[in-house]
Amino acid sequence: MLMKILKRLKDGGIYSNKLMAKELGVSESIIEQMILQLEQLGYIKKDIMTSGCDCSSCAPKKKSCCTGGNVKIDLWKLTEKGNRAI
């Protein structure tokens, strides 16, 4: 299951915990626990957005702002360790 999350993150796009949980057939709390575990193991890390970001790096296919300016969002990216694991 952890590998499936890593693969989805590597493929890019924006995933909510709710959507990922639905796609993988588990609860949102399980997804949250798995993401925390992947971070603690060094496979992923938070991608810090800077102010003025146009989201072209986090949503290149969408070409629109992923936060809408009002929503708190955690963006994750694979570390070198995460990329090697896939």
N, C-alpha and C. Protein backbone atom coordinates (compact mmCIF):
# COMPACT_ATOMS: atom_id res chain seq x y z
N MET A 1 0.82 -1.19 0.00
CA MET A 1 0.00 0.00 0.00
C MET A 1 0.87 1.26 0.00
N LEU A 2 1.97 1.23 0.76
CA LEU A 2 2.87 2.38 0.79
C LEU A 2 3.46 2.63 -0.60
N MET A 3 3.78 1.56 -1.31
CA MET A 3 4.33 1.70 -2.66
C MET A 3 3.30 2.33 -3.61
N LYS A 4 2.04 2.01 -3.44
CA LYS A 4 1.00 2.59 -4.29
C LYS A 4 0.93 4.10 -4.07
N ILE A 5 1.06 4.53 -2.83
CA ILE A 5 1.06 5.96 -2.54
C ILE A 5 2.28 6.62 -3.16
N LEU A 6 3.44 6.00 -3.01
CA LEU A 6 4.66 6.56 -3.61
C LEU A 6 4.51 6.69 -5.13
N LYS A 7 3.96 5.68 -5.77
CA LYS A 7 3.79 5.72 -7.22
C LYS A 7 2.84 6.84 -7.64
N ARG A 8 1.77 7.03 -6.89
CA ARG A 8 0.83 8.11 -7.22
C ARG A 8 1.50 9.48 -7.07
N LEU A 9 2.29 9.62 -6.01
CA LEU A 9 2.99 10.88 -5.82
C LEU A 9 4.02 11.12 -6.92
N LYS A 10 4.69 10.08 -7.33
CA LYS A 10 5.69 10.21 -8.41
C LYS A 10 5.02 10.57 -9.73
N ASP A 11 3.83 10.03 -9.97
CA ASP A 11 3.12 10.30 -11.22
C ASP A 11 2.67 11.75 -11.31
N GLY A 12 2.66 12.44 -10.18
CA GLY A 12 2.27 13.85 -10.17
C GLY A 12 0.77 14.01 -10.00
N GLY A 13 0.35 15.24 -10.11
CA GLY A 13 -1.05 15.54 -9.92
C GLY A 13 -1.34 15.89 -8.47
N ILE A 14 -2.55 16.28 -8.23
CA ILE A 14 -2.98 16.69 -6.90
C ILE A 14 -3.93 15.62 -6.37
N TYR A 15 -3.62 15.12 -5.19
CA TYR A 15 -4.46 14.12 -4.56
C TYR A 15 -4.85 14.59 -3.17
N SER A 16 -6.11 14.53 -2.86
CA SER A 16 -6.54 14.76 -1.49
C SER A 16 -6.48 13.42 -0.78
N ASN A 17 -6.41 13.47 0.54
CA ASN A 17 -6.44 12.23 1.29
C ASN A 17 -7.73 11.47 1.01
N LYS A 18 -8.81 12.21 0.86
CA LYS A 18 -10.11 11.59 0.60
C LYS A 18 -10.11 10.84 -0.74
N LEU A 19 -9.58 11.48 -1.78
CA LEU A 19 -9.54 10.84 -3.09
C LEU A 19 -8.61 9.64 -3.09
N MET A 20 -7.44 9.79 -2.48
CA MET A 20 -6.50 8.68 -2.45
C MET A 20 -7.09 7.50 -1.66
N ALA A 21 -7.77 7.81 -0.56
CA ALA A 21 -8.40 6.75 0.25
C ALA A 21 -9.45 6.01 -0.58
N LYS A 22 -10.24 6.75 -1.32
CA LYS A 22 -11.28 6.14 -2.17
C LYS A 22 -10.64 5.24 -3.23
N GLU A 23 -9.60 5.75 -3.89
CA GLU A 23 -8.94 4.98 -4.95
C GLU A 23 -8.29 3.70 -4.41
N LEU A 24 -7.77 3.77 -3.18
CA LEU A 24 -7.09 2.61 -2.60
C LEU A 24 -7.99 1.75 -1.72
N GLY A 25 -9.23 2.18 -1.52
CA GLY A 25 -10.19 1.39 -0.75
C GLY A 25 -9.90 1.33 0.74
N VAL A 26 -9.38 2.45 1.30
CA VAL A 26 -9.12 2.52 2.73
C VAL A 26 -9.68 3.84 3.27
N SER A 27 -9.61 4.01 4.58
CA SER A 27 -10.11 5.24 5.18
C SER A 27 -9.09 6.37 5.06
N GLU A 28 -9.57 7.60 5.20
CA GLU A 28 -8.68 8.75 5.16
C GLU A 28 -7.65 8.69 6.28
N SER A 29 -8.06 8.20 7.44
CA SER A 29 -7.11 8.13 8.56
C SER A 29 -5.97 7.16 8.26
N ILE A 30 -6.24 6.09 7.52
CA ILE A 30 -5.19 5.16 7.12
C ILE A 30 -4.21 5.87 6.18
N ILE A 31 -4.74 6.64 5.23
CA ILE A 31 -3.89 7.39 4.30
C ILE A 31 -3.01 8.37 5.08
N GLU A 32 -3.60 9.09 6.03
CA GLU A 32 -2.84 10.04 6.85
C GLU A 32 -1.71 9.32 7.59
N GLN A 33 -2.00 8.16 8.14
CA GLN A 33 -0.98 7.39 8.86
C GLN A 33 0.13 6.93 7.91
N MET A 34 -0.25 6.50 6.71
CA MET A 34 0.74 6.03 5.75
C MET A 34 1.63 7.18 5.27
N ILE A 35 1.05 8.33 5.04
CA ILE A 35 1.84 9.48 4.60
C ILE A 35 2.81 9.89 5.71
N LEU A 36 2.34 9.89 6.95
CA LEU A 36 3.22 10.19 8.08
C LEU A 36 4.36 9.17 8.16
N GLN A 37 4.04 7.91 7.95
CA GLN A 37 5.07 6.86 7.98
C GLN A 37 6.08 7.06 6.84
N LEU A 38 5.61 7.37 5.65
CA LEU A 38 6.51 7.60 4.53
C LEU A 38 7.43 8.79 4.80
N GLU A 39 6.89 9.82 5.43
CA GLU A 39 7.71 10.99 5.78
C GLU A 39 8.76 10.61 6.84
N GLN A 40 8.33 9.89 7.87
CA GLN A 40 9.25 9.50 8.93
C GLN A 40 10.36 8.58 8.43
N LEU A 41 10.06 7.77 7.44
CA LEU A 41 11.04 6.85 6.86
C LEU A 41 11.94 7.53 5.83
N GLY A 42 11.62 8.78 5.50
CA GLY A 42 12.46 9.53 4.57
C GLY A 42 12.16 9.32 3.10
N TYR A 43 10.98 8.79 2.78
CA TYR A 43 10.62 8.56 1.38
C TYR A 43 9.96 9.78 0.73
N ILE A 44 9.32 10.61 1.54
CA ILE A 44 8.68 11.82 1.04
C ILE A 44 8.99 12.97 1.99
N LYS A 45 8.81 14.18 1.48
CA LYS A 45 8.95 15.36 2.33
C LYS A 45 7.97 16.42 1.84
N LYS A 46 7.63 17.32 2.77
CA LYS A 46 6.73 18.39 2.39
C LYS A 46 7.43 19.32 1.43
N ASP A 47 6.69 19.74 0.44
CA ASP A 47 7.19 20.69 -0.55
C ASP A 47 6.62 22.05 -0.15
N ILE A 48 7.48 22.92 0.32
CA ILE A 48 7.05 24.21 0.82
C ILE A 48 6.77 25.15 -0.34
N MET A 49 5.55 25.68 -0.37
CA MET A 49 5.19 26.66 -1.40
C MET A 49 5.59 28.03 -0.91
N THR A 50 6.13 28.82 -1.77
CA THR A 50 6.47 30.19 -1.41
C THR A 50 5.34 31.11 -1.82
N SER A 51 5.25 32.26 -1.17
CA SER A 51 4.19 33.20 -1.54
C SER A 51 4.42 33.65 -2.98
N GLY A 52 3.35 33.84 -3.67
CA GLY A 52 3.45 34.24 -5.06
C GLY A 52 3.61 33.07 -6.01
N CYS A 53 3.54 31.87 -5.49
CA CYS A 53 3.66 30.68 -6.33
C CYS A 53 2.49 30.65 -7.31
N ASP A 54 2.79 30.36 -8.56
CA ASP A 54 1.72 30.26 -9.54
C ASP A 54 1.27 28.82 -9.74
N CYS A 55 1.79 27.93 -8.92
CA CYS A 55 1.43 26.51 -8.93
C CYS A 55 1.88 25.78 -10.19
N SER A 56 2.68 26.40 -11.01
CA SER A 56 3.11 25.72 -12.23
C SER A 56 3.97 24.51 -11.90
N SER A 57 4.62 24.52 -10.72
CA SER A 57 5.44 23.37 -10.36
C SER A 57 4.64 22.26 -9.73
N CYS A 58 3.53 22.59 -9.08
CA CYS A 58 2.76 21.54 -8.41
C CYS A 58 1.56 21.09 -9.23
N ALA A 59 1.14 21.86 -10.17
CA ALA A 59 -0.02 21.48 -10.97
C ALA A 59 0.20 21.87 -12.44
N PRO A 60 1.28 21.35 -13.05
CA PRO A 60 1.58 21.78 -14.42
C PRO A 60 0.50 21.45 -15.43
N LYS A 61 -0.24 20.40 -15.20
CA LYS A 61 -1.27 20.01 -16.17
C LYS A 61 -2.51 20.89 -16.01
N LYS A 62 -2.73 21.38 -14.81
CA LYS A 62 -3.94 22.15 -14.53
C LYS A 62 -3.76 23.63 -14.88
N LYS A 63 -2.55 24.15 -14.77
CA LYS A 63 -2.25 25.55 -15.04
C LYS A 63 -3.15 26.48 -14.23
N SER A 64 -3.48 26.07 -13.03
CA SER A 64 -4.27 26.91 -12.16
C SER A 64 -3.78 26.75 -10.73
N CYS A 65 -4.12 27.69 -9.89
CA CYS A 65 -3.65 27.64 -8.51
C CYS A 65 -4.32 26.50 -7.77
N CYS A 66 -3.51 25.73 -7.09
CA CYS A 66 -4.02 24.55 -6.41
C CYS A 66 -4.64 24.89 -5.06
N THR A 67 -4.38 26.07 -4.51
CA THR A 67 -4.92 26.39 -3.19
C THR A 67 -6.08 27.36 -3.26
N GLY A 68 -6.23 28.06 -4.34
CA GLY A 68 -7.30 29.04 -4.43
C GLY A 68 -7.13 30.17 -3.45
N GLY A 69 -6.00 30.22 -2.76
CA GLY A 69 -5.71 31.28 -1.83
C GLY A 69 -6.34 31.12 -0.46
N ASN A 70 -7.26 30.18 -0.30
CA ASN A 70 -7.99 30.07 0.96
C ASN A 70 -7.86 28.71 1.64
N VAL A 71 -7.25 27.76 1.02
CA VAL A 71 -7.23 26.40 1.53
C VAL A 71 -5.82 26.02 1.97
N LYS A 72 -5.70 25.44 3.17
CA LYS A 72 -4.41 24.93 3.61
C LYS A 72 -4.19 23.60 2.90
N ILE A 73 -3.03 23.48 2.30
CA ILE A 73 -2.75 22.26 1.55
C ILE A 73 -1.31 21.83 1.82
N ASP A 74 -1.12 20.56 2.05
CA ASP A 74 0.22 20.00 2.20
C ASP A 74 0.59 19.36 0.87
N LEU A 75 1.69 19.81 0.32
CA LEU A 75 2.20 19.22 -0.91
C LEU A 75 3.37 18.33 -0.55
N TRP A 76 3.41 17.17 -1.15
CA TRP A 76 4.47 16.20 -0.86
C TRP A 76 5.25 15.90 -2.11
N LYS A 77 6.55 15.66 -1.93
CA LYS A 77 7.35 15.21 -3.06
C LYS A 77 8.25 14.09 -2.58
N LEU A 78 8.63 13.26 -3.53
CA LEU A 78 9.50 12.14 -3.21
C LEU A 78 10.93 12.63 -2.96
N THR A 79 11.58 12.02 -2.01
CA THR A 79 13.00 12.26 -1.78
C THR A 79 13.77 11.35 -2.73
N GLU A 80 15.09 11.46 -2.71
CA GLU A 80 15.90 10.54 -3.52
C GLU A 80 15.63 9.10 -3.11
N LYS A 81 15.50 8.88 -1.81
CA LYS A 81 15.20 7.54 -1.30
C LYS A 81 13.87 7.04 -1.85
N GLY A 82 12.87 7.91 -1.90
CA GLY A 82 11.57 7.55 -2.43
C GLY A 82 11.62 7.21 -3.90
N ASN A 83 12.39 7.99 -4.66
CA ASN A 83 12.54 7.71 -6.09
C ASN A 83 13.25 6.39 -6.34
N ARG A 84 14.24 6.08 -5.52
CA ARG A 84 14.95 4.80 -5.68
C ARG A 84 14.07 3.61 -5.33
N ALA A 85 13.12 3.81 -4.44
CA ALA A 85 12.27 2.71 -3.99
C ALA A 85 11.28 2.26 -5.07
N ILE A 86 11.00 3.14 -5.99
CA ILE A 86 9.98 2.81 -7.00
C ILE A 86 10.60 2.06 -8.15
